[in-house]
Amino acid sequence: MASASDLAAEISQLIPRVKRGSLVVFGDIFGGRIDNIHTVTAAKALGDPERLVVEFDEGETLEVWDPGNATISSWEFCISTATKARWEWFYYGLWVPGTVSHGLICGFAGTGAWAPAGCERWPYACST
């Protein structure tokens, strides 16, 4: 299994050719439909325990703890297993670049079958 540092290095080497597309976490499609296109701009490993942090072109951030079974390429971006994930984004249309206002966060914890933690129906019941 690749470490978060290994995956961050792999993703960083592929920028800007990393697969772009809609975000699906735990089987839930971000925004409820596949029309958001997210483009990876950076990747790094942080913390103890180490986690993968992926940054996107509109200020979004995806954090993944214990990422595993990953396929990263120009045609696929998939992290199949993790112990926890955190998606942070901004209310589209209201976010002003360079500010942190209107930040929305949703966290998930689980193994195997991903289960939302603290969100009744992601992303609609997430905390701000």
C-alpha atoms as a PDB file:
ATOM      1  CA  MET A   1       0.000   0.000   0.000  1.00  0.00           C
ATOM      2  CA  ALA A   2       1.341   3.425  -0.959  1.00  0.00           C
ATOM      3  CA  SER A   3       1.764   6.037   1.754  1.00  0.00           C
ATOM      4  CA  ALA A   4       0.150   9.463   1.637  1.00  0.00           C
ATOM      5  CA  SER A   5       3.603  10.869   0.773  1.00  0.00           C
ATOM      6  CA  ASP A   6       3.973   8.427  -2.127  1.00  0.00           C
ATOM      7  CA  LEU A   7       0.528   9.318  -3.506  1.00  0.00           C
ATOM      8  CA  ALA A   8       1.181  13.053  -3.117  1.00  0.00           C
ATOM      9  CA  ALA A   9       4.415  12.667  -5.103  1.00  0.00           C
ATOM     10  CA  GLU A  10       2.660  10.604  -7.787  1.00  0.00           C
ATOM     11  CA  ILE A  11      -0.144  13.165  -8.139  1.00  0.00           C
ATOM     12  CA  SER A  12       2.306  16.091  -8.178  1.00  0.00           C
ATOM     13  CA  GLN A  13       4.306  14.504 -10.998  1.00  0.00           C
ATOM     14  CA  LEU A  14       1.155  14.147 -13.109  1.00  0.00           C
ATOM     15  CA  ILE A  15      -0.107  17.744 -12.707  1.00  0.00           C
ATOM     16  CA  PRO A  16      -1.582  19.134 -14.989  1.00  0.00           C
ATOM     17  CA  ARG A  17      -2.429  15.777 -16.613  1.00  0.00           C
ATOM     18  CA  VAL A  18      -4.299  14.335 -13.579  1.00  0.00           C
ATOM     19  CA  LYS A  19      -7.829  13.176 -14.439  1.00  0.00           C
ATOM     20  CA  ARG A  20     -10.369  15.999 -14.008  1.00  0.00           C
ATOM     21  CA  GLY A  21     -14.004  15.409 -13.206  1.00  0.00           C
ATOM     22  CA  SER A  22     -16.834  15.275 -10.691  1.00  0.00           C
ATOM     23  CA  LEU A  23     -16.245  14.275  -7.086  1.00  0.00           C
ATOM     24  CA  VAL A  24     -17.846  11.156  -5.638  1.00  0.00           C
ATOM     25  CA  VAL A  25     -17.214  10.322  -1.963  1.00  0.00           C
ATOM     26  CA  PHE A  26     -18.739   7.278  -0.299  1.00  0.00           C
ATOM     27  CA  GLY A  27     -20.923   6.819  -3.370  1.00  0.00           C
ATOM     28  CA  ASP A  28     -22.426  10.297  -3.015  1.00  0.00           C
ATOM     29  CA  ILE A  29     -21.987  12.660  -5.947  1.00  0.00           C
ATOM     30  CA  PHE A  30     -20.897  16.144  -4.849  1.00  0.00           C
ATOM     31  CA  GLY A  31     -23.692  18.568  -5.686  1.00  0.00           C
ATOM     32  CA  GLY A  32     -26.087  15.740  -6.550  1.00  0.00           C
ATOM     33  CA  ARG A  33     -25.150  15.510 -10.221  1.00  0.00           C
ATOM     34  CA  ILE A  34     -22.095  14.975 -12.368  1.00  0.00           C
ATOM     35  CA  ASP A  35     -21.593  18.464 -13.769  1.00  0.00           C
ATOM     36  CA  ASN A  36     -18.882  19.891 -11.520  1.00  0.00           C
ATOM     37  CA  ILE A  37     -15.431  19.573 -13.030  1.00  0.00           C
ATOM     38  CA  HIS A  38     -12.655  19.663 -10.437  1.00  0.00           C
ATOM     39  CA  THR A  39      -9.026  20.109 -11.517  1.00  0.00           C
ATOM     40  CA  VAL A  40      -6.150  19.103  -9.217  1.00  0.00           C
ATOM     41  CA  THR A  41      -3.646  21.908  -8.647  1.00  0.00           C
ATOM     42  CA  ALA A  42      -1.475  20.488  -5.839  1.00  0.00           C
ATOM     43  CA  ALA A  43      -0.975  17.483  -3.577  1.00  0.00           C
ATOM     44  CA  LYS A  44       0.975  17.016  -0.361  1.00  0.00           C
ATOM     45  CA  ALA A  45       1.153  14.842   2.737  1.00  0.00           C
ATOM     46  CA  LEU A  46       0.639  16.448   6.154  1.00  0.00           C
ATOM     47  CA  GLY A  47       0.281  15.595   9.807  1.00  0.00           C
ATOM     48  CA  ASP A  48       0.712  12.728  12.175  1.00  0.00           C
ATOM     49  CA  PRO A  49      -0.952  10.456  11.367  1.00  0.00           C
ATOM     50  CA  GLU A  50      -0.061  11.345   7.814  1.00  0.00           C
ATOM     51  CA  ARG A  51      -2.880  12.252   5.443  1.00  0.00           C
ATOM     52  CA  LEU A  52      -3.072  13.070   1.736  1.00  0.00           C
ATOM     53  CA  VAL A  53      -4.171  16.638   0.964  1.00  0.00           C
ATOM     54  CA  VAL A  54      -5.310  17.365  -2.606  1.00  0.00           C
ATOM     55  CA  GLU A  55      -6.058  20.946  -3.666  1.00  0.00           C
ATOM     56  CA  PHE A  56      -8.341  21.917  -6.556  1.00  0.00           C
ATOM     57  CA  ASP A  57      -8.692  24.877  -8.910  1.00  0.00           C
ATOM     58  CA  GLU A  58     -11.615  26.607  -7.176  1.00  0.00           C
ATOM     59  CA  GLY A  59     -10.175  26.527  -3.670  1.00  0.00           C
ATOM     60  CA  GLU A  60     -11.546  23.094  -2.712  1.00  0.00           C
ATOM     61  CA  THR A  61      -9.493  20.692  -0.584  1.00  0.00           C
ATOM     62  CA  LEU A  62      -9.799  16.929  -0.180  1.00  0.00           C
ATOM     63  CA  GLU A  63      -8.019  15.320   2.789  1.00  0.00           C
ATOM     64  CA  VAL A  64      -7.711  11.521   2.912  1.00  0.00           C
ATOM     65  CA  TRP A  65      -6.395   9.546   5.890  1.00  0.00           C
ATOM     66  CA  ASP A  66      -4.767   6.164   5.178  1.00  0.00           C
ATOM     67  CA  PRO A  67      -5.444   6.251   1.422  1.00  0.00           C
ATOM     68  CA  GLY A  68      -5.190   2.874  -0.263  1.00  0.00           C
ATOM     69  CA  ASN A  69      -5.759   1.045  -3.526  1.00  0.00           C
ATOM     70  CA  ALA A  70      -5.269   4.237  -5.522  1.00  0.00           C
ATOM     71  CA  THR A  71      -5.167   4.644  -9.293  1.00  0.00           C
ATOM     72  CA  ILE A  72      -3.920   8.054 -10.386  1.00  0.00           C
ATOM     73  CA  SER A  73      -3.467   8.854 -14.085  1.00  0.00           C
ATOM     74  CA  SER A  74      -4.671  11.112 -16.870  1.00  0.00           C
ATOM     75  CA  TRP A  75      -7.763   8.920 -17.346  1.00  0.00           C
ATOM     76  CA  GLU A  76      -8.570   7.887 -13.751  1.00  0.00           C
ATOM     77  CA  PHE A  77      -8.347   9.396 -10.258  1.00  0.00           C
ATOM     78  CA  CYS A  78      -9.588   6.863  -7.733  1.00  0.00           C
ATOM     79  CA  ILE A  79      -8.730   6.245  -4.081  1.00  0.00           C
ATOM     80  CA  SER A  80     -10.625   3.084  -3.172  1.00  0.00           C
ATOM     81  CA  THR A  81     -10.026   2.856   0.569  1.00  0.00           C
ATOM     82  CA  ALA A  82      -9.366   5.194   3.497  1.00  0.00           C
ATOM     83  CA  THR A  83     -10.186   5.478   7.168  1.00  0.00           C
ATOM     84  CA  LYS A  84     -11.419   9.059   6.935  1.00  0.00           C
ATOM     85  CA  ALA A  85     -11.976  11.803   4.349  1.00  0.00           C
ATOM     86  CA  ARG A  86     -12.696  15.523   4.566  1.00  0.00           C
ATOM     87  CA  TRP A  87     -13.974  17.697   1.688  1.00  0.00           C
ATOM     88  CA  GLU A  88     -13.841  21.472   2.022  1.00  0.00           C
ATOM     89  CA  TRP A  89     -15.354  23.785  -0.548  1.00  0.00           C
ATOM     90  CA  PHE A  90     -16.901  27.213  -0.848  1.00  0.00           C
ATOM     91  CA  TYR A  91     -20.461  28.142  -1.615  1.00  0.00           C
ATOM     92  CA  TYR A  92     -20.173  28.611  -5.357  1.00  0.00           C
ATOM     93  CA  GLY A  93     -21.220  32.037  -6.543  1.00  0.00           C
ATOM     94  CA  LEU A  94     -20.606  33.650  -3.153  1.00  0.00           C
ATOM     95  CA  TRP A  95     -16.934  32.834  -2.607  1.00  0.00           C
ATOM     96  CA  VAL A  96     -14.447  35.629  -3.129  1.00  0.00           C
ATOM     97  CA  PRO A  97     -10.926  34.343  -3.957  1.00  0.00           C
ATOM     98  CA  GLY A  98      -8.505  34.993  -1.115  1.00  0.00           C
ATOM     99  CA  THR A  99     -11.180  34.852   1.600  1.00  0.00           C
ATOM    100  CA  VAL A 100     -12.331  32.015   3.811  1.00  0.00           C
ATOM    101  CA  SER A 101     -15.938  33.167   4.086  1.00  0.00           C
ATOM    102  CA  HIS A 102     -18.699  30.757   3.097  1.00  0.00           C
ATOM    103  CA  GLY A 103     -16.462  27.734   3.692  1.00  0.00           C
ATOM    104  CA  LEU A 104     -18.318  24.406   3.887  1.00  0.00           C
ATOM    105  CA  ILE A 105     -16.869  21.219   5.337  1.00  0.00           C
ATOM    106  CA  CYS A 106     -18.042  17.635   5.340  1.00  0.00           C
ATOM    107  CA  GLY A 107     -16.230  14.770   7.060  1.00  0.00           C
ATOM    108  CA  PHE A 108     -16.551  11.046   6.579  1.00  0.00           C
ATOM    109  CA  ALA A 109     -15.256   8.102   8.556  1.00  0.00           C
ATOM    110  CA  GLY A 110     -15.465   4.460   7.673  1.00  0.00           C
ATOM    111  CA  THR A 111     -13.821   1.376   6.340  1.00  0.00           C
ATOM    112  CA  GLY A 112     -14.882  -0.661   3.344  1.00  0.00           C
ATOM    113  CA  ALA A 113     -18.382   0.694   2.769  1.00  0.00           C
ATOM    114  CA  TRP A 114     -17.983   4.413   3.299  1.00  0.00           C
ATOM    115  CA  ALA A 115     -20.343   5.901   5.847  1.00  0.00           C
ATOM    116  CA  PRO A 116     -20.912   9.623   6.316  1.00  0.00           C
ATOM    117  CA  ALA A 117     -19.910  10.894   9.754  1.00  0.00           C
ATOM    118  CA  GLY A 118     -21.813  13.948  10.898  1.00  0.00           C
ATOM    119  CA  CYS A 119     -23.686  14.366   7.623  1.00  0.00           C
ATOM    120  CA  GLU A 120     -27.202  13.025   7.176  1.00  0.00           C
ATOM    121  CA  ARG A 121     -27.097  13.366   3.402  1.00  0.00           C
ATOM    122  CA  TRP A 122     -23.868  14.696   1.971  1.00  0.00           C
ATOM    123  CA  PRO A 123     -23.330  17.441   0.964  1.00  0.00           C
ATOM    124  CA  TYR A 124     -26.666  18.981   1.944  1.00  0.00           C
ATOM    125  CA  ALA A 125     -26.452  18.500   5.724  1.00  0.00           C
ATOM    126  CA  CYS A 126     -22.796  19.427   6.147  1.00  0.00           C
ATOM    127  CA  SER A 127     -21.493  21.914   8.654  1.00  0.00           C
ATOM    128  CA  THR A 128     -20.305  25.392   7.751  1.00  0.00           C
END
